[in-house]
C-alpha atoms as a PDB file:
ATOM      1  CA  MET A   1     150.505 104.210  99.182  1.00  0.00           C
ATOM      2  CA  ASN A   2     152.889 101.441 100.265  1.00  0.00           C
ATOM      3  CA  ASP A   3     151.562  97.900 100.442  1.00  0.00           C
ATOM      4  CA  LEU A   4     151.541  96.979 104.141  1.00  0.00           C
ATOM      5  CA  TYR A   5     152.075  93.313 103.293  1.00  0.00           C
ATOM      6  CA  LYS A   6     154.673  93.515 100.496  1.00  0.00           C
ATOM      7  CA  ASP A   7     157.537  92.331 102.748  1.00  0.00           C
ATOM      8  CA  GLN A   8     155.509  89.580 104.413  1.00  0.00           C
ATOM      9  CA  LYS A   9     157.274  86.242 103.984  1.00  0.00           C
ATOM     10  CA  GLN A  10     155.311  83.471 102.362  1.00  0.00           C
ATOM     11  CA  ILE A  11     154.292  80.625 104.621  1.00  0.00           C
ATOM     12  CA  ASP A  12     155.404  77.341 103.083  1.00  0.00           C
ATOM     13  CA  GLY A  13     152.809  74.701 102.421  1.00  0.00           C
ATOM     14  CA  PRO A  14     149.227  74.838 101.188  1.00  0.00           C
ATOM     15  CA  VAL A  15     146.535  76.836 102.974  1.00  0.00           C
ATOM     16  CA  GLU A  16     142.756  76.576 102.770  1.00  0.00           C
ATOM     17  CA  CYS A  17     140.372  79.513 102.792  1.00  0.00           C
ATOM     18  CA  LEU A  18     136.633  79.484 102.143  1.00  0.00           C
ATOM     19  CA  GLY A  19     136.931  75.971 100.763  1.00  0.00           C
ATOM     20  CA  LEU A  20     139.687  76.879  98.291  1.00  0.00           C
ATOM     21  CA  LYS A  21     143.266  75.580  98.520  1.00  0.00           C
ATOM     22  CA  PHE A  22     146.316  77.711  97.767  1.00  0.00           C
ATOM     23  CA  PRO A  23     150.053  76.899  97.720  1.00  0.00           C
ATOM     24  CA  SER A  24     150.812  79.732 100.177  1.00  0.00           C
ATOM     25  CA  GLU A  25     149.284  82.600 102.134  1.00  0.00           C
ATOM     26  CA  GLN A  26     150.558  85.034  99.499  1.00  0.00           C
ATOM     27  CA  ALA A  27     148.795  83.076  96.767  1.00  0.00           C
ATOM     28  CA  ARG A  28     145.607  83.206  98.830  1.00  0.00           C
ATOM     29  CA  ARG A  29     145.941  86.944  99.270  1.00  0.00           C
ATOM     30  CA  ASP A  30     146.686  87.551  95.571  1.00  0.00           C
ATOM     31  CA  HIS A  31     143.554  85.619  94.594  1.00  0.00           C
ATOM     32  CA  PHE A  32     141.232  87.543  96.892  1.00  0.00           C
ATOM     33  CA  LEU A  33     142.907  90.887  96.161  1.00  0.00           C
ATOM     34  CA  LYS A  34     141.953  90.384  92.524  1.00  0.00           C
ATOM     35  CA  LEU A  35     138.339  89.735  93.543  1.00  0.00           C
ATOM     36  CA  LEU A  36     138.357  92.787  95.827  1.00  0.00           C
ATOM     37  CA  ALA A  37     139.746  94.964  93.016  1.00  0.00           C
ATOM     38  CA  GLU A  38     136.838  93.864  90.810  1.00  0.00           C
ATOM     39  CA  LYS A  39     134.404  94.746  93.604  1.00  0.00           C
ATOM     40  CA  LEU A  40     135.930  98.211  93.979  1.00  0.00           C
ATOM     41  CA  ARG A  41     135.190  98.945  90.334  1.00  0.00           C
ATOM     42  CA  ASP A  42     131.483  98.404  91.013  1.00  0.00           C
ATOM     43  CA  PRO A  43     129.832 101.830  91.650  1.00  0.00           C
ATOM     44  CA  ALA A  44     127.033 100.185  93.655  1.00  0.00           C
ATOM     45  CA  PHE A  45     129.567  98.661  96.076  1.00  0.00           C
ATOM     46  CA  ARG A  46     131.185 102.048  96.622  1.00  0.00           C
ATOM     47  CA  LYS A  47     127.797 103.486  97.606  1.00  0.00           C
ATOM     48  CA  THR A  48     127.659 101.165 100.644  1.00  0.00           C
ATOM     49  CA  ASP A  49     126.956 103.139 103.820  1.00  0.00           C
ATOM     50  CA  GLY A  50     130.167 103.968 105.635  1.00  0.00           C
ATOM     51  CA  PHE A  51     132.394 103.205 102.669  1.00  0.00           C
ATOM     52  CA  THR A  52     136.050 104.143 103.104  1.00  0.00           C
ATOM     53  CA  ALA A  53     137.161 107.534 101.806  1.00  0.00           C
ATOM     54  CA  GLY A  54     140.225 106.227  99.993  1.00  0.00           C
ATOM     55  CA  THR A  55     141.564 105.296  96.571  1.00  0.00           C
ATOM     56  CA  ASP A  56     141.421 101.765  95.210  1.00  0.00           C
ATOM     57  CA  ASP A  57     145.196 101.437  95.500  1.00  0.00           C
ATOM     58  CA  ALA A  58     145.161 102.555  99.140  1.00  0.00           C
ATOM     59  CA  ILE A  59     142.347 100.158 100.070  1.00  0.00           C
ATOM     60  CA  LEU A  60     144.045  97.228  98.351  1.00  0.00           C
ATOM     61  CA  ALA A  61     147.402  98.011  99.965  1.00  0.00           C
ATOM     62  CA  MET A  62     145.859  97.961 103.443  1.00  0.00           C
ATOM     63  CA  SER A  63     143.697  94.879 102.923  1.00  0.00           C
ATOM     64  CA  ASP A  64     144.329  91.194 103.540  1.00  0.00           C
ATOM     65  CA  PRO A  65     141.180  89.665 102.036  1.00  0.00           C
ATOM     66  CA  PRO A  66     138.984  87.893 102.766  1.00  0.00           C
ATOM     67  CA  TYR A  67     139.906  88.241 106.446  1.00  0.00           C
ATOM     68  CA  TYR A  68     140.334  91.996 106.527  1.00  0.00           C
ATOM     69  CA  THR A  69     139.475  94.738 104.050  1.00  0.00           C
ATOM     70  CA  ALA A  70     139.956  98.484 104.531  1.00  0.00           C
ATOM     71  CA  CYS A  71     136.357  98.982 103.404  1.00  0.00           C
ATOM     72  CA  PRO A  72     133.076  97.148 104.032  1.00  0.00           C
ATOM     73  CA  ASN A  73     134.028  93.477 103.720  1.00  0.00           C
ATOM     74  CA  PRO A  74     132.326  91.987 100.618  1.00  0.00           C
ATOM     75  CA  PHE A  75     133.341  88.452 101.640  1.00  0.00           C
ATOM     76  CA  LEU A  76     131.427  88.434 104.927  1.00  0.00           C
ATOM     77  CA  GLU A  77     128.310  86.752 103.527  1.00  0.00           C
ATOM     78  CA  GLU A  78     130.423  84.061 101.867  1.00  0.00           C
ATOM     79  CA  PHE A  79     132.352  83.508 105.097  1.00  0.00           C
ATOM     80  CA  ILE A  80     129.159  82.960 107.100  1.00  0.00           C
ATOM     81  CA  SER A  81     127.623  80.778 104.400  1.00  0.00           C
ATOM     82  CA  HIS A  82     130.704  78.541 104.252  1.00  0.00           C
ATOM     83  CA  TYR A  83     131.367  78.092 107.969  1.00  0.00           C
ATOM     84  CA  SER A  84     127.914  78.275 109.564  1.00  0.00           C
ATOM     85  CA  THR A  85     125.247  75.607 109.927  1.00  0.00           C
ATOM     86  CA  LYS A  86     121.585  76.301 109.405  1.00  0.00           C
ATOM     87  CA  TYR A  87     119.551  76.521 112.590  1.00  0.00           C
ATOM     88  CA  GLU A  88     116.811  73.907 112.690  1.00  0.00           C
ATOM     89  CA  PRO A  89     114.545  74.446 115.728  1.00  0.00           C
ATOM     90  CA  ALA A  90     112.968  70.993 115.463  1.00  0.00           C
ATOM     91  CA  SER A  91     116.292  69.150 115.599  1.00  0.00           C
ATOM     92  CA  ASN A  92     118.164  71.505 117.915  1.00  0.00           C
ATOM     93  CA  THR A  93     119.093  69.733 121.148  1.00  0.00           C
ATOM     94  CA  ARG A  94     121.517  72.284 122.566  1.00  0.00           C
ATOM     95  CA  HIS A  95     120.241  73.833 125.760  1.00  0.00           C
ATOM     96  CA  VAL A  96     122.510  76.007 127.872  1.00  0.00           C
ATOM     97  CA  GLU A  97     121.587  77.400 131.256  1.00  0.00           C
ATOM     98  CA  PRO A  98     122.260  81.121 131.825  1.00  0.00           C
ATOM     99  CA  PHE A  99     125.813  81.982 132.882  1.00  0.00           C
ATOM    100  CA  THR A 100     125.459  83.159 136.484  1.00  0.00           C
ATOM    101  CA  ALA A 101     128.996  83.106 137.920  1.00  0.00           C
ATOM    102  CA  ASP A 102     130.965  86.242 138.792  1.00  0.00           C
ATOM    103  CA  VAL A 103     133.799  87.001 136.378  1.00  0.00           C
ATOM    104  CA  SER A 104     136.927  88.821 137.476  1.00  0.00           C
ATOM    105  CA  GLU A 105     140.046  89.057 135.323  1.00  0.00           C
ATOM    106  CA  GLY A 106     143.057  91.324 135.749  1.00  0.00           C
ATOM    107  CA  LYS A 107     144.397  93.753 133.164  1.00  0.00           C
ATOM    108  CA  ASN A 108     148.057  92.768 133.339  1.00  0.00           C
ATOM    109  CA  ASP A 109     148.099  90.168 130.565  1.00  0.00           C
ATOM    110  CA  PRO A 110     150.628  90.978 127.796  1.00  0.00           C
ATOM    111  CA  ILE A 111     147.903  90.670 125.155  1.00  0.00           C
ATOM    112  CA  TYR A 112     145.702  93.177 126.993  1.00  0.00           C
ATOM    113  CA  ASN A 113     148.587  95.612 127.460  1.00  0.00           C
ATOM    114  CA  ALA A 114     149.853  95.331 123.878  1.00  0.00           C
ATOM    115  CA  HIS A 115     147.599  98.181 122.718  1.00  0.00           C
ATOM    116  CA  SER A 116     145.528 100.536 124.869  1.00  0.00           C
ATOM    117  CA  TYR A 117     141.944 101.284 123.865  1.00  0.00           C
ATOM    118  CA  HIS A 118     138.913 102.679 125.663  1.00  0.00           C
ATOM    119  CA  THR A 119     136.363 100.172 127.078  1.00  0.00           C
ATOM    120  CA  LYS A 120     138.794  97.304 126.459  1.00  0.00           C
ATOM    121  CA  VAL A 121     137.779  93.981 128.082  1.00  0.00           C
ATOM    122  CA  PRO A 122     140.319  91.289 129.107  1.00  0.00           C
ATOM    123  CA  HIS A 123     140.080  88.405 126.649  1.00  0.00           C
ATOM    124  CA  LYS A 124     140.051  85.765 129.411  1.00  0.00           C
ATOM    125  CA  ALA A 125     136.838  87.248 130.808  1.00  0.00           C
ATOM    126  CA  ILE A 126     135.210  86.828 127.386  1.00  0.00           C
ATOM    127  CA  MET A 127     136.537  83.269 127.096  1.00  0.00           C
ATOM    128  CA  ARG A 128     134.450  82.149 130.077  1.00  0.00           C
ATOM    129  CA  TYR A 129     131.238  83.154 128.273  1.00  0.00           C
ATOM    130  CA  LEU A 130     132.345  81.595 124.983  1.00  0.00           C
ATOM    131  CA  LEU A 131     133.249  78.305 126.678  1.00  0.00           C
ATOM    132  CA  HIS A 132     129.850  78.283 128.390  1.00  0.00           C
ATOM    133  CA  TYR A 133     127.629  79.165 125.417  1.00  0.00           C
ATOM    134  CA  THR A 134     129.484  77.924 122.317  1.00  0.00           C
ATOM    135  CA  GLN A 135     131.191  74.891 120.843  1.00  0.00           C
ATOM    136  CA  PRO A 136     134.339  74.602 118.655  1.00  0.00           C
ATOM    137  CA  GLY A 137     133.751  75.949 115.156  1.00  0.00           C
ATOM    138  CA  ASP A 138     130.746  78.095 116.134  1.00  0.00           C
ATOM    139  CA  ILE A 139     130.597  81.558 114.553  1.00  0.00           C
ATOM    140  CA  VAL A 140     130.507  84.398 117.090  1.00  0.00           C
ATOM    141  CA  LEU A 141     129.796  87.999 116.090  1.00  0.00           C
ATOM    142  CA  ASP A 142     131.077  91.155 117.768  1.00  0.00           C
ATOM    143  CA  SER A 143     129.675  94.196 115.939  1.00  0.00           C
ATOM    144  CA  PHE A 144     131.449  96.651 118.272  1.00  0.00           C
ATOM    145  CA  CYS A 145     134.759  94.823 118.535  1.00  0.00           C
ATOM    146  CA  GLY A 146     137.125  97.662 119.474  1.00  0.00           C
ATOM    147  CA  THR A 147     140.594  96.112 119.336  1.00  0.00           C
ATOM    148  CA  GLY A 148     139.216  92.592 118.815  1.00  0.00           C
ATOM    149  CA  MET A 149     139.530  90.989 122.241  1.00  0.00           C
ATOM    150  CA  MET A 150     136.504  88.805 121.494  1.00  0.00           C
ATOM    151  CA  GLY A 151     138.335  87.457 118.452  1.00  0.00           C
ATOM    152  CA  VAL A 152     141.408  86.726 120.574  1.00  0.00           C
ATOM    153  CA  ALA A 153     139.191  84.968 123.114  1.00  0.00           C
ATOM    154  CA  ALA A 154     137.480  82.908 120.399  1.00  0.00           C
ATOM    155  CA  GLN A 155     140.803  81.668 119.040  1.00  0.00           C
ATOM    156  CA  LEU A 156     142.336  80.971 122.454  1.00  0.00           C
ATOM    157  CA  CYS A 157     139.405  78.701 123.336  1.00  0.00           C
ATOM    158  CA  GLY A 158     141.472  76.180 121.398  1.00  0.00           C
ATOM    159  CA  ASP A 159     144.641  76.720 123.432  1.00  0.00           C
ATOM    160  CA  ARG A 160     144.908  74.116 126.207  1.00  0.00           C
ATOM    161  CA  ARG A 161     147.565  76.065 128.129  1.00  0.00           C
ATOM    162  CA  VAL A 162     145.493  79.253 128.264  1.00  0.00           C
ATOM    163  CA  VAL A 163     142.274  77.436 129.211  1.00  0.00           C
ATOM    164  CA  GLU A 164     144.013  75.547 132.030  1.00  0.00           C
ATOM    165  CA  SER A 165     145.574  78.792 133.301  1.00  0.00           C
ATOM    166  CA  MET A 166     142.019  80.015 134.011  1.00  0.00           C
ATOM    167  CA  GLY A 167     141.362  77.186 136.478  1.00  0.00           C
ATOM    168  CA  TYR A 168     139.663  74.756 134.095  1.00  0.00           C
ATOM    169  CA  ARG A 169     140.731  71.143 133.657  1.00  0.00           C
ATOM    170  CA  VAL A 170     141.136  69.666 130.159  1.00  0.00           C
ATOM    171  CA  ASP A 171     141.212  65.904 129.640  1.00  0.00           C
ATOM    172  CA  ALA A 172     142.983  63.941 126.902  1.00  0.00           C
ATOM    173  CA  ALA A 173     139.925  64.137 124.640  1.00  0.00           C
ATOM    174  CA  GLY A 174     139.788  67.940 124.918  1.00  0.00           C
ATOM    175  CA  MET A 175     136.775  68.071 127.227  1.00  0.00           C
ATOM    176  CA  ILE A 176     136.808  71.091 129.535  1.00  0.00           C
ATOM    177  CA  PHE A 177     135.712  70.803 133.167  1.00  0.00           C
ATOM    178  CA  GLU A 178     135.229  73.440 135.875  1.00  0.00           C
ATOM    179  CA  ARG A 179     135.281  72.926 139.615  1.00  0.00           C
ATOM    180  CA  VAL A 180     131.867  73.103 141.282  1.00  0.00           C
ATOM    181  CA  ASP A 181     131.566  73.564 145.037  1.00  0.00           C
ATOM    182  CA  ASP A 182     128.136  73.129 146.622  1.00  0.00           C
ATOM    183  CA  GLY A 183     129.346  73.725 150.178  1.00  0.00           C
ATOM    184  CA  ALA A 184     129.474  70.066 151.184  1.00  0.00           C
ATOM    185  CA  LYS A 185     131.829  68.832 148.499  1.00  0.00           C
ATOM    186  CA  SER A 186     133.502  69.929 145.290  1.00  0.00           C
ATOM    187  CA  ASP A 187     133.536  68.132 141.980  1.00  0.00           C
ATOM    188  CA  TRP A 188     134.447  68.691 138.313  1.00  0.00           C
ATOM    189  CA  ARG A 189     131.610  69.402 135.858  1.00  0.00           C
ATOM    190  CA  ARG A 190     131.982  69.314 132.081  1.00  0.00           C
ATOM    191  CA  VAL A 191     131.257  72.716 130.579  1.00  0.00           C
ATOM    192  CA  SER A 192     132.735  72.798 127.084  1.00  0.00           C
ATOM    193  CA  LYS A 193     135.178  71.375 124.571  1.00  0.00           C
ATOM    194  CA  LEU A 194     138.605  72.602 123.545  1.00  0.00           C
ATOM    195  CA  GLY A 195     138.615  74.216 120.116  1.00  0.00           C
ATOM    196  CA  ALA A 196     138.711  77.621 118.459  1.00  0.00           C
ATOM    197  CA  ARG A 197     135.501  79.465 117.637  1.00  0.00           C
ATOM    198  CA  ARG A 198     135.208  81.482 114.408  1.00  0.00           C
ATOM    199  CA  PRO A 199     134.988  85.217 115.183  1.00  0.00           C
ATOM    200  CA  VAL A 200     133.426  87.868 112.964  1.00  0.00           C
ATOM    201  CA  LEU A 201     134.609  91.297 114.075  1.00  0.00           C
ATOM    202  CA  ASN A 202     133.345  94.719 113.055  1.00  0.00           C
ATOM    203  CA  ASP A 203     133.626  98.254 114.374  1.00  0.00           C
ATOM    204  CA  LEU A 204     132.663 101.730 113.178  1.00  0.00           C
ATOM    205  CA  SER A 205     136.169 102.876 114.079  1.00  0.00           C
ATOM    206  CA  ALA A 206     138.548 102.231 111.174  1.00  0.00           C
ATOM    207  CA  ILE A 207     141.581 102.133 113.466  1.00  0.00           C
ATOM    208  CA  GLY A 208     139.723  99.783 115.825  1.00  0.00           C
ATOM    209  CA  GLY A 209     139.060  97.350 112.979  1.00  0.00           C
ATOM    210  CA  PHE A 210     142.681  97.548 111.816  1.00  0.00           C
ATOM    211  CA  ILE A 211     144.019  96.869 115.326  1.00  0.00           C
ATOM    212  CA  ALA A 212     141.535  94.009 115.744  1.00  0.00           C
ATOM    213  CA  TYR A 213     142.783  92.429 112.509  1.00  0.00           C
ATOM    214  CA  ASN A 214     146.401  92.607 113.613  1.00  0.00           C
ATOM    215  CA  PHE A 215     145.567  91.133 117.022  1.00  0.00           C
ATOM    216  CA  ASN A 216     143.903  88.151 115.351  1.00  0.00           C
ATOM    217  CA  ALA A 217     145.815  87.555 112.108  1.00  0.00           C
ATOM    218  CA  SER A 218     148.453  84.855 111.775  1.00  0.00           C
ATOM    219  CA  THR A 219     151.913  86.341 112.173  1.00  0.00           C
ATOM    220  CA  ASN A 220     155.325  85.249 110.967  1.00  0.00           C
ATOM    221  CA  VAL A 221     157.167  85.698 114.269  1.00  0.00           C
ATOM    222  CA  HIS A 222     160.624  85.831 112.710  1.00  0.00           C
ATOM    223  CA  ALA A 223     159.568  88.411 110.127  1.00  0.00           C
ATOM    224  CA  LEU A 224     157.893  90.506 112.851  1.00  0.00           C
ATOM    225  CA  GLU A 225     161.041  90.364 114.987  1.00  0.00           C
ATOM    226  CA  HIS A 226     163.165  91.393 112.007  1.00  0.00           C
ATOM    227  CA  GLU A 227     160.930  94.367 111.198  1.00  0.00           C
ATOM    228  CA  THR A 228     160.771  95.420 114.857  1.00  0.00           C
ATOM    229  CA  GLU A 229     164.569  95.492 115.051  1.00  0.00           C
ATOM    230  CA  LYS A 230     164.715  97.609 111.888  1.00  0.00           C
ATOM    231  CA  VAL A 231     162.260 100.134 113.319  1.00  0.00           C
ATOM    232  CA  SER A 232     164.099 100.225 116.670  1.00  0.00           C
ATOM    233  CA  LYS A 233     167.430 100.911 114.973  1.00  0.00           C
ATOM    234  CA  ARG A 234     165.894 103.663 112.856  1.00  0.00           C
ATOM    235  CA  LEU A 235     164.336 105.282 115.928  1.00  0.00           C
ATOM    236  CA  GLU A 236     167.654 105.013 117.800  1.00  0.00           C
ATOM    237  CA  SER A 237     169.488 106.643 114.907  1.00  0.00           C
ATOM    238  CA  ASN A 238     167.014 109.531 114.562  1.00  0.00           C
ATOM    239  CA  HIS A 239     165.972 110.170 118.158  1.00  0.00           C
ATOM    240  CA  GLY A 240     168.449 108.402 120.447  1.00  0.00           C
ATOM    241  CA  TRP A 241     170.179 111.712 121.227  1.00  0.00           C
ATOM    242  CA  MET A 242     167.063 112.809 123.132  1.00  0.00           C
ATOM    243  CA  TYR A 243     167.861 110.206 125.806  1.00  0.00           C
ATOM    244  CA  GLN A 244     171.470 111.294 126.322  1.00  0.00           C
ATOM    245  CA  THR A 245     172.627 113.151 129.406  1.00  0.00           C
ATOM    246  CA  LEU A 246     175.984 114.186 130.894  1.00  0.00           C
ATOM    247  CA  HIS A 247     177.380 112.280 133.862  1.00  0.00           C
ATOM    248  CA  LEU A 248     178.437 114.680 136.661  1.00  0.00           C
ATOM    249  CA  PRO A 249     178.957 117.613 134.267  1.00  0.00           C
ATOM    250  CA  THR A 250     180.788 120.817 135.094  1.00  0.00           C
ATOM    251  CA  GLU A 251     179.144 124.182 134.477  1.00  0.00           C
ATOM    252  CA  GLU A 252     181.299 124.602 131.378  1.00  0.00           C
ATOM    253  CA  GLN A 253     180.199 121.177 130.039  1.00  0.00           C
ATOM    254  CA  ILE A 254     176.553 122.075 130.655  1.00  0.00           C
ATOM    255  CA  ARG A 255     176.930 125.289 128.651  1.00  0.00           C
ATOM    256  CA  ARG A 256     178.686 123.459 125.822  1.00  0.00           C
ATOM    257  CA  GLY A 257     176.060 120.727 125.902  1.00  0.00           C
ATOM    258  CA  ILE A 258     173.193 123.222 125.639  1.00  0.00           C
ATOM    259  CA  LYS A 259     174.905 124.932 122.719  1.00  0.00           C
ATOM    260  CA  LEU A 260     175.536 121.595 120.966  1.00  0.00           C
ATOM    261  CA  VAL A 261     171.884 120.530 121.327  1.00  0.00           C
ATOM    262  CA  SER A 262     170.634 123.872 119.999  1.00  0.00           C
ATOM    263  CA  GLU A 263     172.927 123.870 116.961  1.00  0.00           C
ATOM    264  CA  SER A 264     173.082 120.199 115.920  1.00  0.00           C
ATOM    265  CA  GLU A 265     170.357 118.075 114.317  1.00  0.00           C
ATOM    266  CA  LYS A 266     171.669 114.909 115.992  1.00  0.00           C
ATOM    267  CA  PRO A 267     173.892 116.066 118.869  1.00  0.00           C
ATOM    268  CA  ASN A 268     176.294 113.638 120.570  1.00  0.00           C
ATOM    269  CA  LEU A 269     177.026 114.689 124.157  1.00  0.00           C
ATOM    270  CA  SER A 270     180.079 112.433 124.285  1.00  0.00           C
ATOM    271  CA  GLU A 271     181.817 115.274 122.408  1.00  0.00           C
ATOM    272  CA  VAL A 272     181.300 117.456 125.500  1.00  0.00           C
ATOM    273  CA  GLY A 273     182.005 115.097 128.386  1.00  0.00           C
ATOM    274  CA  GLN A 274     181.196 111.672 129.786  1.00  0.00           C
ATOM    275  CA  SER A 275     177.753 110.878 128.406  1.00  0.00           C
ATOM    276  CA  ALA A 276     175.134 108.570 129.868  1.00  0.00           C
ATOM    277  CA  ARG A 277     171.811 107.210 128.622  1.00  0.00           C
ATOM    278  CA  ILE A 278     168.408 107.631 130.258  1.00  0.00           C
ATOM    279  CA  ASN A 279     166.819 104.175 130.276  1.00  0.00           C
ATOM    280  CA  TYR A 280     163.640 105.124 132.145  1.00  0.00           C
ATOM    281  CA  THR A 281     162.114 107.926 134.219  1.00  0.00           C
ATOM    282  CA  VAL A 282     160.320 107.421 137.517  1.00  0.00           C
ATOM    283  CA  TRP A 283     157.361 109.718 138.135  1.00  0.00           C
ATOM    284  CA  SER A 284     156.210 110.120 141.703  1.00  0.00           C
ATOM    285  CA  ASP A 285     153.254 111.648 143.529  1.00  0.00           C
ATOM    286  CA  VAL A 286     154.006 114.579 145.811  1.00  0.00           C
ATOM    287  CA  PHE A 287     152.295 114.738 149.217  1.00  0.00           C
ATOM    288  CA  SER A 288     152.020 117.389 151.896  1.00  0.00           C
ATOM    289  CA  CYS A 289     153.347 116.593 155.390  1.00  0.00           C
ATOM    290  CA  PRO A 290     150.402 116.718 157.840  1.00  0.00           C
ATOM    291  CA  GLU A 291     152.663 118.286 160.493  1.00  0.00           C
ATOM    292  CA  CYS A 292     154.774 120.949 158.742  1.00  0.00           C
ATOM    293  CA  ALA A 293     153.183 121.088 155.249  1.00  0.00           C
ATOM    294  CA  HIS A 294     156.563 120.367 153.646  1.00  0.00           C
ATOM    295  CA  GLU A 295     156.299 118.758 150.190  1.00  0.00           C
ATOM    296  CA  ILE A 296     157.201 115.077 150.287  1.00  0.00           C
ATOM    297  CA  VAL A 297     158.230 113.173 147.160  1.00  0.00           C
ATOM    298  CA  PHE A 298     156.569 109.809 147.708  1.00  0.00           C
ATOM    299  CA  PHE A 299     159.252 107.844 145.851  1.00  0.00           C
ATOM    300  CA  ASP A 300     162.032 109.313 147.991  1.00  0.00           C
ATOM    301  CA  VAL A 301     160.509 108.505 151.383  1.00  0.00           C
ATOM    302  CA  ALA A 302     158.309 105.458 150.741  1.00  0.00           C
ATOM    303  CA  LEU A 303     160.512 103.112 148.727  1.00  0.00           C
ATOM    304  CA  ASP A 304     162.464 100.564 150.766  1.00  0.00           C
ATOM    305  CA  HIS A 305     165.414  99.741 148.505  1.00  0.00           C
ATOM    306  CA  ASP A 306     166.621  96.878 150.719  1.00  0.00           C
ATOM    307  CA  LYS A 307     163.292  95.018 150.750  1.00  0.00           C
ATOM    308  CA  GLY A 308     162.177  96.159 147.323  1.00  0.00           C
ATOM    309  CA  GLY A 309     158.786  97.352 148.573  1.00  0.00           C
ATOM    310  CA  VAL A 310     156.915 100.287 150.075  1.00  0.00           C
ATOM    311  CA  ARG A 311     157.354 101.183 153.738  1.00  0.00           C
ATOM    312  CA  ASP A 312     154.336 101.062 156.055  1.00  0.00           C
ATOM    313  CA  ASP A 313     155.356 104.307 157.789  1.00  0.00           C
ATOM    314  CA  LEU A 314     156.765 107.474 156.263  1.00  0.00           C
ATOM    315  CA  THR A 315     159.156 110.028 157.741  1.00  0.00           C
ATOM    316  CA  CYS A 316     159.047 113.687 156.730  1.00  0.00           C
ATOM    317  CA  PRO A 317     162.558 114.716 155.636  1.00  0.00           C
ATOM    318  CA  SER A 318     161.947 118.223 156.986  1.00  0.00           C
ATOM    319  CA  CYS A 319     160.418 117.862 160.469  1.00  0.00           C
ATOM    320  CA  LYS A 320     161.155 114.116 160.942  1.00  0.00           C
ATOM    321  CA  ALA A 321     157.526 113.443 161.864  1.00  0.00           C
ATOM    322  CA  LYS A 322     156.375 109.854 161.353  1.00  0.00           C
ATOM    323  CA  PHE A 323     152.941 108.933 160.074  1.00  0.00           C
ATOM    324  CA  GLY A 324     151.080 106.100 158.381  1.00  0.00           C
ATOM    325  CA  MET A 325     150.399 105.800 154.677  1.00  0.00           C
ATOM    326  CA  ASN A 326     146.807 106.951 155.106  1.00  0.00           C
ATOM    327  CA  ARG A 327     147.591 110.421 156.527  1.00  0.00           C
ATOM    328  CA  PRO A 328     149.388 112.496 153.877  1.00  0.00           C
ATOM    329  CA  GLU A 329     147.120 114.705 151.844  1.00  0.00           C
ATOM    330  CA  PHE A 330     147.724 114.648 148.152  1.00  0.00           C
ATOM    331  CA  CYS A 331     148.631 118.110 146.937  1.00  0.00           C
ATOM    332  CA  GLY A 332     148.322 117.472 143.221  1.00  0.00           C
ATOM    333  CA  GLY A 333     151.994 117.789 142.283  1.00  0.00           C
ATOM    334  CA  SER A 334     154.386 115.417 140.609  1.00  0.00           C
ATOM    335  CA  ASN A 335     158.110 114.934 140.411  1.00  0.00           C
ATOM    336  CA  SER A 336     160.429 113.029 138.113  1.00  0.00           C
END
């Protein structure tokens, strides 16, 4: 089992974790890996419900304690004890009215699209609830975290740019205001304070928990870029031939190309003729003309290349009939 973090560059400068100070992130990880290894040798710990079916070496290689462990996290109680404050009903003065506004957020944010997952919720939608009900430093728990969007939302509550992009106003002191419109006039009402919340994420799905960790962990951007380039080059070397094609080939070149692909592990079509590269493939719906029933490739007839949009009216290439976008009946086909 390879250590997933062995090539991770150390972050210069001291870091603090659970009240302890370390000279670097790697030193922090080494310290807690030693504690986790001791835990793994405890038979009682391994009898925890839902314990990972893996060797000690595999669990340690995949873990970044105390933030993420590839088994039930033994540091969770310590985390809550260190960062939480005891609830005292007699002295509690916080009173928050129920959140009653409609929430609508799109699914085109790069963070949302970075990894698909069922029942995924846009993090900005979650941020509105966190800003309403919590304060900076509060611990928030998501026991069914999926890919960890609640954790992303909790951390981005401390990002002024993201909060302001949602329509809030943030003053110099970090106070967050939202616009209130009562019909007669509009005004700004204070709703929260800028600052990250502390998320605790958990999910029964092992891959969900792993994705959630990677969405929320601190990342060395330069190291990530370097590793991404290495993977891209390796993929290009091993599978780039699959995206080759011949430009205006003759029948003889097609036959030679087919033979080359069938006989070579990594064929190069430039040996046969002028090669080209497929950068992307456009898939289109196929409709049936309401007049002559001829199949119509939507992309071919609907796209207006000059305006860069979709035409309001379509023309059947067979019978030349014109009709609006709402008339063609989808026939269930597709075309590339």
